[in-house]
Amino acid sequence: MSELLEIIMIVSFGASWPLNVMKSYKARTTKGKSLAFLCLIFFGYIAGIASKFLNEAYMASFADKWYVLFFYVLNLCMVGVDLLLYVRNKRLDKMKEEG
């Protein structure tokens, strides 16, 4: 049951990231975004992934529970894309200010 609740949590968090990435892509600005927040979330997903690898019970049943780790990695990738878009948008903001 705890794995099911964890999946619900991670899928719920993950459902918002594609929308957030699209918003960042279309906005072409960092206004309203927090680099610290994105880095904290990114670090949190890394910690969650590391916790799975360090959990002996999880690793012993990895063949049956691989999907939990999949969602952590998927969310980490989406936050990573949003971080890359932040860098792009910061550069675009600077270009707008200069020119």
Protein backbone atom coordinates (compact mmCIF):
# COMPACT_ATOMS: atom_id res chain seq x y z
CA MET A 1 0.00 0.00 0.00
CA SER A 2 2.85 2.41 0.76
CA GLU A 3 4.22 1.99 -2.77
CA LEU A 4 0.81 2.83 -4.22
CA LEU A 5 0.60 6.01 -2.13
CA GLU A 6 4.14 6.94 -3.17
CA ILE A 7 3.24 6.46 -6.82
CA ILE A 8 0.13 8.62 -6.41
CA MET A 9 2.29 11.34 -4.84
CA ILE A 10 4.98 11.23 -7.50
CA VAL A 11 2.47 11.08 -10.39
CA SER A 12 0.54 14.00 -8.91
CA PHE A 13 3.72 16.07 -8.70
CA GLY A 14 4.77 14.90 -12.14
CA ALA A 15 1.48 15.80 -13.80
CA SER A 16 2.22 19.50 -13.37
CA TRP A 17 5.74 19.47 -14.83
CA PRO A 18 4.85 19.08 -18.53
CA LEU A 19 2.51 22.07 -18.21
CA ASN A 20 5.18 24.05 -16.40
CA VAL A 21 7.77 23.22 -19.06
CA MET A 22 5.41 24.33 -21.83
CA LYS A 23 4.67 27.56 -19.96
CA SER A 24 8.40 28.25 -19.56
CA TYR A 25 9.02 27.51 -23.23
CA LYS A 26 6.25 29.82 -24.43
CA ALA A 27 6.86 32.62 -21.90
CA ARG A 28 10.48 33.16 -22.98
CA THR A 29 11.16 34.94 -19.67
CA THR A 30 12.22 34.06 -16.15
CA LYS A 31 9.74 36.47 -14.60
CA GLY A 32 7.68 34.59 -12.05
CA LYS A 33 10.17 31.71 -11.87
CA SER A 34 12.47 30.85 -8.99
CA LEU A 35 15.81 29.24 -9.74
CA ALA A 36 16.19 28.31 -6.07
CA PHE A 37 12.83 26.51 -6.13
CA LEU A 38 13.71 24.57 -9.28
CA CYS A 39 17.10 23.58 -7.85
CA LEU A 40 15.50 22.47 -4.59
CA ILE A 41 12.97 20.29 -6.41
CA PHE A 42 15.73 18.88 -8.65
CA PHE A 43 17.82 18.03 -5.59
CA GLY A 44 14.76 16.47 -3.93
CA TYR A 45 14.22 14.11 -6.85
CA ILE A 46 17.91 13.14 -6.79
CA ALA A 47 17.56 12.37 -3.07
CA GLY A 48 14.43 10.31 -3.76
CA ILE A 49 16.21 8.31 -6.45
CA ALA A 50 19.22 7.77 -4.20
CA SER A 51 16.93 6.60 -1.39
CA LYS A 52 15.53 3.92 -3.67
CA PHE A 53 19.00 2.61 -4.53
CA LEU A 54 19.98 2.57 -0.84
CA ASN A 55 16.80 0.77 0.25
CA GLU A 56 17.69 -2.92 0.38
CA ALA A 57 14.06 -4.06 0.49
CA TYR A 58 13.25 -1.99 -2.62
CA MET A 59 16.31 -3.22 -4.50
CA ALA A 60 15.52 -6.83 -3.58
CA SER A 61 12.14 -6.49 -5.30
CA PHE A 62 13.29 -4.07 -8.04
CA ALA A 63 12.00 -6.34 -10.84
CA ASP A 64 8.48 -5.95 -9.43
CA LYS A 65 8.71 -2.28 -8.40
CA TRP A 66 10.86 -0.65 -11.11
CA TYR A 67 7.99 1.67 -12.06
CA VAL A 68 8.35 3.70 -8.85
CA LEU A 69 11.91 4.65 -9.78
CA PHE A 70 10.77 5.32 -13.36
CA PHE A 71 8.45 8.10 -12.20
CA TYR A 72 11.19 9.68 -10.07
CA VAL A 73 13.54 9.72 -13.06
CA LEU A 74 10.82 11.03 -15.39
CA ASN A 75 10.08 13.91 -13.02
CA LEU A 76 13.78 14.62 -12.59
CA CYS A 77 14.12 14.88 -16.38
CA MET A 78 11.19 17.28 -16.62
CA VAL A 79 12.58 19.51 -13.88
CA GLY A 80 15.94 19.35 -15.68
CA VAL A 81 14.31 20.56 -18.89
CA ASP A 82 12.65 23.39 -16.94
CA LEU A 83 16.07 24.33 -15.52
CA LEU A 84 17.53 24.43 -19.04
CA LEU A 85 14.62 26.61 -20.16
CA TYR A 86 15.29 28.89 -17.19
CA VAL A 87 18.87 29.38 -18.43
CA ARG A 88 17.61 30.04 -21.97
CA ASN A 89 14.96 32.46 -20.75
CA LYS A 90 17.44 34.27 -18.50
CA ARG A 91 19.63 34.81 -21.56
CA LEU A 92 16.61 36.09 -23.50
CA ASP A 93 15.73 38.46 -20.65
CA LYS A 94 19.27 39.84 -20.71
CA MET A 95 19.12 40.33 -24.49
CA LYS A 96 15.83 42.23 -24.14
CA GLU A 97 17.34 44.51 -21.51
CA GLU A 98 20.39 45.25 -23.64
CA GLY A 99 18.71 45.79 -26.86
